[in-house]
Amino acid sequence: MPTNGSGLPHHDWLDDDAGPVVRPYTVTGGRVRPVTGGFDLLAFVLAAPGAARAPEAAQLQPEHRAILALAREPISVAEIAAGLDLVVGVARVLLGDLLAAGLIALHEPSAMAHLPDDDILQAVVNGLRAL
């Protein structure tokens, strides 16, 4: 994605003097939830092999194509949102579009195998309060 003079991503819908001239939700067509997937912030996204050249890619918005470019290597949802200077909710909707089209793979972080017992957490809180 091209950058402006300050090194930040350049968007056609961003005016340097006035700020955003198009609200972020217009990038998603007013959608606020992804069509598929929950997209944990720590989940890793990886573009499918040849995704950028797939027939479906010709119909994609520039933001979709930018995500595919970033996701050539595994990248987290949070890094995608930051890299494109988009709100996380908007990035999740765009990722949902790409996942539904089969253009990306999503790798959720593994759940912690052992969570601390509630009694241990309460003891820690009590100890901190005693300080």
N, C-alpha and C. Protein backbone atom coordinates (compact mmCIF):
# COMPACT_ATOMS: atom_id res chain seq x y z
N MET A 1 0.85 -1.17 0.00
CA MET A 1 0.00 0.00 0.00
C MET A 1 0.90 1.23 0.00
N PRO A 2 0.64 2.22 -0.86
CA PRO A 2 1.47 3.42 -0.90
C PRO A 2 1.39 4.18 0.41
N THR A 3 2.44 4.93 0.72
CA THR A 3 2.44 5.72 1.94
C THR A 3 2.45 7.19 1.60
N ASN A 4 1.99 7.98 2.58
CA ASN A 4 2.06 9.42 2.40
C ASN A 4 3.43 9.88 2.88
N GLY A 5 3.69 11.15 2.94
CA GLY A 5 4.99 11.67 3.32
C GLY A 5 5.42 11.31 4.73
N SER A 6 4.46 11.03 5.63
CA SER A 6 4.80 10.72 7.01
C SER A 6 5.06 9.24 7.22
N GLY A 7 5.01 8.43 6.16
CA GLY A 7 5.26 7.01 6.28
C GLY A 7 4.02 6.19 6.61
N LEU A 8 2.90 6.86 6.81
CA LEU A 8 1.65 6.16 7.09
C LEU A 8 1.01 5.71 5.79
N PRO A 9 0.16 4.66 5.83
CA PRO A 9 -0.50 4.22 4.60
C PRO A 9 -1.33 5.35 4.00
N HIS A 10 -1.31 5.44 2.68
CA HIS A 10 -2.12 6.43 1.99
C HIS A 10 -3.42 5.77 1.53
N HIS A 11 -4.52 6.41 1.87
CA HIS A 11 -5.83 5.90 1.47
C HIS A 11 -6.48 6.94 0.57
N ASP A 12 -7.20 6.47 -0.44
CA ASP A 12 -7.92 7.41 -1.31
C ASP A 12 -9.00 8.15 -0.55
N TRP A 13 -9.49 7.54 0.53
CA TRP A 13 -10.59 8.15 1.28
C TRP A 13 -10.10 9.00 2.44
N LEU A 14 -8.78 9.30 2.48
CA LEU A 14 -8.22 10.10 3.57
C LEU A 14 -7.61 11.35 2.98
N ASP A 15 -8.04 12.48 3.48
CA ASP A 15 -7.51 13.77 3.05
C ASP A 15 -6.57 14.25 4.15
N ASP A 16 -5.34 14.60 3.81
CA ASP A 16 -4.35 14.98 4.82
C ASP A 16 -4.80 16.17 5.67
N ASP A 17 -5.53 17.11 5.09
CA ASP A 17 -5.96 18.28 5.84
C ASP A 17 -7.25 18.04 6.60
N ALA A 18 -8.20 17.35 5.98
CA ALA A 18 -9.53 17.20 6.57
C ALA A 18 -9.70 15.91 7.37
N GLY A 19 -8.81 14.94 7.19
CA GLY A 19 -8.98 13.65 7.86
C GLY A 19 -9.82 12.74 6.99
N PRO A 20 -10.44 11.73 7.61
CA PRO A 20 -11.22 10.78 6.81
C PRO A 20 -12.39 11.46 6.12
N VAL A 21 -12.50 11.27 4.83
CA VAL A 21 -13.64 11.82 4.10
C VAL A 21 -14.69 10.74 3.85
N VAL A 22 -14.35 9.51 4.17
CA VAL A 22 -15.28 8.39 4.08
C VAL A 22 -15.17 7.63 5.39
N ARG A 23 -16.30 7.37 6.02
CA ARG A 23 -16.29 6.63 7.28
C ARG A 23 -15.80 5.21 7.06
N PRO A 24 -15.09 4.64 8.04
CA PRO A 24 -14.56 3.28 7.86
C PRO A 24 -15.62 2.23 7.53
N TYR A 25 -16.85 2.39 8.05
CA TYR A 25 -17.87 1.38 7.78
C TYR A 25 -18.30 1.36 6.32
N THR A 26 -18.00 2.41 5.58
CA THR A 26 -18.34 2.39 4.16
C THR A 26 -17.43 1.42 3.40
N VAL A 27 -16.23 1.18 3.93
CA VAL A 27 -15.33 0.21 3.32
C VAL A 27 -15.95 -1.18 3.36
N THR A 28 -16.77 -1.44 4.38
CA THR A 28 -17.41 -2.74 4.54
C THR A 28 -18.84 -2.76 4.02
N GLY A 29 -19.27 -1.70 3.38
CA GLY A 29 -20.64 -1.65 2.89
C GLY A 29 -21.65 -1.56 4.03
N GLY A 30 -21.25 -0.99 5.15
CA GLY A 30 -22.14 -0.84 6.30
C GLY A 30 -22.19 -2.06 7.20
N ARG A 31 -21.50 -3.13 6.82
CA ARG A 31 -21.51 -4.35 7.65
C ARG A 31 -20.61 -4.15 8.86
N VAL A 32 -21.07 -4.65 10.01
CA VAL A 32 -20.28 -4.51 11.23
C VAL A 32 -19.79 -5.85 11.77
N ARG A 33 -20.27 -6.95 11.20
CA ARG A 33 -19.86 -8.29 11.63
C ARG A 33 -19.36 -9.07 10.41
N PRO A 34 -18.30 -9.85 10.61
CA PRO A 34 -17.81 -10.67 9.49
C PRO A 34 -18.82 -11.75 9.13
N VAL A 35 -18.86 -12.13 7.86
CA VAL A 35 -19.79 -13.16 7.41
C VAL A 35 -19.42 -14.52 7.98
N THR A 36 -18.17 -14.70 8.34
CA THR A 36 -17.72 -15.96 8.93
C THR A 36 -16.49 -15.69 9.79
N GLY A 37 -16.31 -16.47 10.81
CA GLY A 37 -15.13 -16.38 11.66
C GLY A 37 -15.26 -15.34 12.75
N GLY A 38 -14.58 -15.60 13.85
CA GLY A 38 -14.60 -14.68 14.99
C GLY A 38 -13.41 -13.75 14.99
N PHE A 39 -12.28 -14.22 14.47
CA PHE A 39 -11.07 -13.43 14.32
C PHE A 39 -10.56 -12.83 15.61
N ASP A 40 -10.06 -13.69 16.47
CA ASP A 40 -9.36 -13.27 17.68
C ASP A 40 -8.21 -12.36 17.26
N LEU A 41 -7.90 -11.35 18.06
CA LEU A 41 -6.82 -10.42 17.71
C LEU A 41 -5.48 -11.11 17.52
N LEU A 42 -5.29 -12.23 18.23
CA LEU A 42 -4.03 -12.95 18.14
C LEU A 42 -4.03 -14.05 17.09
N ALA A 43 -5.17 -14.23 16.42
CA ALA A 43 -5.25 -15.25 15.37
C ALA A 43 -4.32 -14.86 14.22
N PHE A 44 -3.71 -15.88 13.62
CA PHE A 44 -2.84 -15.63 12.48
C PHE A 44 -3.59 -15.90 11.18
N VAL A 45 -3.33 -15.04 10.22
CA VAL A 45 -3.95 -15.12 8.91
C VAL A 45 -2.84 -15.39 7.90
N LEU A 46 -3.13 -16.27 6.96
CA LEU A 46 -2.18 -16.58 5.90
C LEU A 46 -2.93 -16.66 4.59
N ALA A 47 -2.45 -15.93 3.59
CA ALA A 47 -3.08 -15.94 2.27
C ALA A 47 -2.93 -17.32 1.65
N ALA A 48 -3.98 -17.78 1.00
CA ALA A 48 -3.93 -19.06 0.29
C ALA A 48 -2.95 -18.93 -0.87
N PRO A 49 -2.26 -20.02 -1.21
CA PRO A 49 -1.34 -19.96 -2.36
C PRO A 49 -2.07 -19.47 -3.62
N GLY A 50 -1.51 -18.48 -4.27
CA GLY A 50 -2.10 -17.95 -5.49
C GLY A 50 -3.34 -17.11 -5.28
N ALA A 51 -3.65 -16.73 -4.04
CA ALA A 51 -4.87 -15.98 -3.75
C ALA A 51 -4.94 -14.65 -4.51
N ALA A 52 -3.82 -13.97 -4.61
CA ALA A 52 -3.81 -12.66 -5.28
C ALA A 52 -4.12 -12.78 -6.77
N ARG A 53 -3.89 -13.97 -7.35
CA ARG A 53 -4.14 -14.17 -8.78
C ARG A 53 -5.43 -14.94 -9.04
N ALA A 54 -6.14 -15.29 -7.99
CA ALA A 54 -7.38 -16.06 -8.14
C ALA A 54 -8.44 -15.21 -8.85
N PRO A 55 -9.36 -15.84 -9.59
CA PRO A 55 -10.41 -15.07 -10.27
C PRO A 55 -11.23 -14.21 -9.31
N GLU A 56 -11.44 -14.69 -8.09
CA GLU A 56 -12.21 -13.93 -7.10
C GLU A 56 -11.49 -12.63 -6.72
N ALA A 57 -10.17 -12.63 -6.80
CA ALA A 57 -9.38 -11.47 -6.39
C ALA A 57 -9.63 -10.26 -7.29
N ALA A 58 -10.04 -10.49 -8.52
CA ALA A 58 -10.29 -9.37 -9.43
C ALA A 58 -11.44 -8.50 -8.96
N GLN A 59 -12.35 -9.06 -8.17
CA GLN A 59 -13.52 -8.33 -7.69
C GLN A 59 -13.30 -7.68 -6.33
N LEU A 60 -12.12 -7.83 -5.77
CA LEU A 60 -11.85 -7.35 -4.42
C LEU A 60 -11.60 -5.85 -4.37
N GLN A 61 -11.88 -5.29 -3.20
CA GLN A 61 -11.57 -3.89 -2.94
C GLN A 61 -10.07 -3.76 -2.69
N PRO A 62 -9.53 -2.56 -2.77
CA PRO A 62 -8.09 -2.38 -2.52
C PRO A 62 -7.67 -2.85 -1.12
N GLU A 63 -8.54 -2.67 -0.14
CA GLU A 63 -8.21 -3.12 1.22
C GLU A 63 -8.09 -4.64 1.30
N HIS A 64 -8.95 -5.34 0.57
CA HIS A 64 -8.86 -6.80 0.52
C HIS A 64 -7.51 -7.22 -0.08
N ARG A 65 -7.15 -6.58 -1.17
CA ARG A 65 -5.88 -6.91 -1.83
C ARG A 65 -4.68 -6.58 -0.93
N ALA A 66 -4.80 -5.49 -0.18
CA ALA A 66 -3.73 -5.12 0.75
C ALA A 66 -3.58 -6.17 1.85
N ILE A 67 -4.70 -6.72 2.32
CA ILE A 67 -4.65 -7.78 3.32
C ILE A 67 -3.94 -9.00 2.73
N LEU A 68 -4.29 -9.37 1.51
CA LEU A 68 -3.64 -10.52 0.87
C LEU A 68 -2.13 -10.29 0.74
N ALA A 69 -1.74 -9.07 0.45
CA ALA A 69 -0.31 -8.76 0.33
C ALA A 69 0.38 -8.90 1.69
N LEU A 70 -0.27 -8.41 2.74
CA LEU A 70 0.32 -8.52 4.07
C LEU A 70 0.38 -9.96 4.55
N ALA A 71 -0.59 -10.75 4.14
CA ALA A 71 -0.72 -12.12 4.65
C ALA A 71 0.05 -13.14 3.82
N ARG A 72 1.00 -12.69 3.02
CA ARG A 72 1.85 -13.66 2.32
C ARG A 72 2.63 -14.50 3.34
N GLU A 73 2.95 -13.89 4.45
CA GLU A 73 3.56 -14.55 5.60
C GLU A 73 2.53 -14.49 6.72
N PRO A 74 2.55 -15.43 7.66
CA PRO A 74 1.56 -15.38 8.76
C PRO A 74 1.63 -14.05 9.50
N ILE A 75 0.47 -13.47 9.73
CA ILE A 75 0.36 -12.17 10.39
C ILE A 75 -0.90 -12.17 11.25
N SER A 76 -0.84 -11.52 12.39
CA SER A 76 -1.99 -11.50 13.29
C SER A 76 -3.05 -10.51 12.80
N VAL A 77 -4.26 -10.73 13.27
CA VAL A 77 -5.37 -9.83 12.94
C VAL A 77 -5.04 -8.41 13.41
N ALA A 78 -4.48 -8.29 14.60
CA ALA A 78 -4.13 -6.97 15.13
C ALA A 78 -3.11 -6.27 14.24
N GLU A 79 -2.12 -7.02 13.76
CA GLU A 79 -1.10 -6.43 12.88
C GLU A 79 -1.68 -6.01 11.54
N ILE A 80 -2.64 -6.76 11.05
CA ILE A 80 -3.30 -6.38 9.79
C ILE A 80 -4.03 -5.06 9.96
N ALA A 81 -4.81 -4.95 11.03
CA ALA A 81 -5.55 -3.70 11.27
C ALA A 81 -4.59 -2.53 11.40
N ALA A 82 -3.51 -2.71 12.15
CA ALA A 82 -2.55 -1.63 12.34
C ALA A 82 -1.82 -1.32 11.03
N GLY A 83 -1.45 -2.35 10.30
CA GLY A 83 -0.71 -2.16 9.05
C GLY A 83 -1.51 -1.42 7.99
N LEU A 84 -2.83 -1.60 8.02
CA LEU A 84 -3.69 -0.93 7.04
C LEU A 84 -4.32 0.33 7.59
N ASP A 85 -4.01 0.63 8.85
CA ASP A 85 -4.58 1.81 9.51
C ASP A 85 -6.11 1.76 9.48
N LEU A 86 -6.65 0.58 9.81
CA LEU A 86 -8.10 0.37 9.85
C LEU A 86 -8.53 0.00 11.26
N VAL A 87 -9.76 0.32 11.58
CA VAL A 87 -10.35 -0.11 12.84
C VAL A 87 -10.40 -1.64 12.82
N VAL A 88 -10.18 -2.27 13.98
CA VAL A 88 -10.14 -3.72 14.05
C VAL A 88 -11.45 -4.33 13.54
N GLY A 89 -12.58 -3.72 13.87
CA GLY A 89 -13.87 -4.23 13.41
C GLY A 89 -13.98 -4.26 11.90
N VAL A 90 -13.46 -3.24 11.25
CA VAL A 90 -13.47 -3.18 9.79
C VAL A 90 -12.55 -4.26 9.23
N ALA A 91 -11.36 -4.41 9.83
CA ALA A 91 -10.44 -5.45 9.38
C ALA A 91 -11.06 -6.83 9.52
N ARG A 92 -11.80 -7.06 10.60
CA ARG A 92 -12.45 -8.36 10.80
C ARG A 92 -13.50 -8.63 9.72
N VAL A 93 -14.25 -7.63 9.35
CA VAL A 93 -15.26 -7.81 8.29
C VAL A 93 -14.59 -8.15 6.97
N LEU A 94 -13.52 -7.44 6.65
CA LEU A 94 -12.80 -7.70 5.41
C LEU A 94 -12.16 -9.09 5.43
N LEU A 95 -11.63 -9.49 6.58
CA LEU A 95 -11.07 -10.83 6.72
C LEU A 95 -12.15 -11.90 6.55
N GLY A 96 -13.35 -11.62 7.05
CA GLY A 96 -14.47 -12.55 6.87
C GLY A 96 -14.80 -12.76 5.40
N ASP A 97 -14.75 -11.68 4.63
CA ASP A 97 -14.98 -11.78 3.19
C ASP A 97 -13.95 -12.69 2.54
N LEU A 98 -12.69 -12.49 2.90
CA LEU A 98 -11.61 -13.28 2.31
C LEU A 98 -11.68 -14.74 2.75
N LEU A 99 -12.05 -14.98 4.00
CA LEU A 99 -12.17 -16.35 4.49
C LEU A 99 -13.32 -17.07 3.78
N ALA A 100 -14.45 -16.38 3.60
CA ALA A 100 -15.60 -16.97 2.92
C ALA A 100 -15.27 -17.30 1.47
N ALA A 101 -14.40 -16.50 0.85
CA ALA A 101 -14.01 -16.75 -0.54
C ALA A 101 -12.89 -17.78 -0.65
N GLY A 102 -12.38 -18.24 0.49
CA GLY A 102 -11.31 -19.24 0.47
C GLY A 102 -9.95 -18.67 0.11
N LEU A 103 -9.78 -17.36 0.27
CA LEU A 103 -8.54 -16.72 -0.12
C LEU A 103 -7.52 -16.62 1.02
N ILE A 104 -7.97 -16.88 2.24
CA ILE A 104 -7.07 -16.88 3.39
C ILE A 104 -7.35 -18.10 4.26
N ALA A 105 -6.38 -18.43 5.07
CA ALA A 105 -6.55 -19.45 6.10
C ALA A 105 -6.40 -18.76 7.45
N LEU A 106 -7.17 -19.19 8.41
CA LEU A 106 -7.16 -18.60 9.75
C LEU A 106 -6.64 -19.64 10.73
N HIS A 107 -5.69 -19.25 11.55
CA HIS A 107 -5.11 -20.13 12.55
C HIS A 107 -5.33 -19.50 13.92
N GLU A 108 -6.32 -20.00 14.64
CA GLU A 108 -6.67 -19.47 15.96
C GLU A 108 -5.59 -19.87 16.97
N PRO A 109 -5.34 -19.00 17.96
CA PRO A 109 -4.37 -19.39 18.99
C PRO A 109 -4.93 -20.54 19.82
N SER A 110 -4.05 -21.42 20.24
CA SER A 110 -4.52 -22.55 21.05
C SER A 110 -4.93 -22.06 22.42
N ALA A 111 -6.00 -22.64 22.93
CA ALA A 111 -6.49 -22.27 24.26
C ALA A 111 -5.47 -22.74 25.28
N MET A 112 -5.39 -22.02 26.35
CA MET A 112 -4.47 -22.42 27.41
C MET A 112 -4.92 -23.75 27.98
N ALA A 113 -4.01 -24.69 28.06
CA ALA A 113 -4.35 -26.03 28.53
C ALA A 113 -4.73 -26.02 30.01
N HIS A 114 -4.10 -25.16 30.78
CA HIS A 114 -4.39 -25.15 32.21
C HIS A 114 -4.54 -23.71 32.67
N LEU A 115 -5.72 -23.34 33.08
CA LEU A 115 -5.96 -22.02 33.63
C LEU A 115 -5.78 -22.08 35.14
N PRO A 116 -5.30 -21.01 35.76
CA PRO A 116 -5.12 -21.03 37.21
C PRO A 116 -6.47 -21.22 37.92
N ASP A 117 -6.41 -21.88 39.03
CA ASP A 117 -7.58 -22.11 39.85
C ASP A 117 -8.07 -20.79 40.43
N ASP A 118 -9.38 -20.65 40.61
CA ASP A 118 -9.95 -19.42 41.16
C ASP A 118 -9.40 -19.11 42.54
N ASP A 119 -9.12 -20.14 43.34
CA ASP A 119 -8.57 -19.93 44.68
C ASP A 119 -7.19 -19.30 44.62
N ILE A 120 -6.40 -19.72 43.64
CA ILE A 120 -5.06 -19.14 43.49
C ILE A 120 -5.17 -17.68 43.10
N LEU A 121 -6.05 -17.38 42.17
CA LEU A 121 -6.24 -15.98 41.76
C LEU A 121 -6.72 -15.12 42.91
N GLN A 122 -7.63 -15.65 43.72
CA GLN A 122 -8.14 -14.90 44.87
C GLN A 122 -7.02 -14.66 45.89
N ALA A 123 -6.15 -15.65 46.08
CA ALA A 123 -5.03 -15.49 47.00
C ALA A 123 -4.07 -14.41 46.51
N VAL A 124 -3.84 -14.35 45.20
CA VAL A 124 -2.99 -13.31 44.64
C VAL A 124 -3.60 -11.93 44.86
N VAL A 125 -4.89 -11.80 44.60
CA VAL A 125 -5.57 -10.52 44.81
C VAL A 125 -5.50 -10.11 46.27
N ASN A 126 -5.75 -11.05 47.17
CA ASN A 126 -5.68 -10.75 48.59
C ASN A 126 -4.27 -10.32 48.99
N GLY A 127 -3.25 -11.00 48.45
CA GLY A 127 -1.87 -10.63 48.74
C GLY A 127 -1.53 -9.25 48.23
N LEU A 128 -2.02 -8.89 47.04
CA LEU A 128 -1.78 -7.55 46.51
C LEU A 128 -2.47 -6.48 47.33
N ARG A 129 -3.66 -6.78 47.80
CA ARG A 129 -4.38 -5.82 48.64
C ARG A 129 -3.65 -5.61 49.98
N ALA A 130 -3.00 -6.64 50.46
CA ALA A 130 -2.30 -6.53 51.74
C ALA A 130 -1.05 -5.65 51.64
N LEU A 131 -0.55 -5.49 50.43
CA LEU A 131 0.64 -4.64 50.25
C LEU A 131 0.26 -3.21 50.49
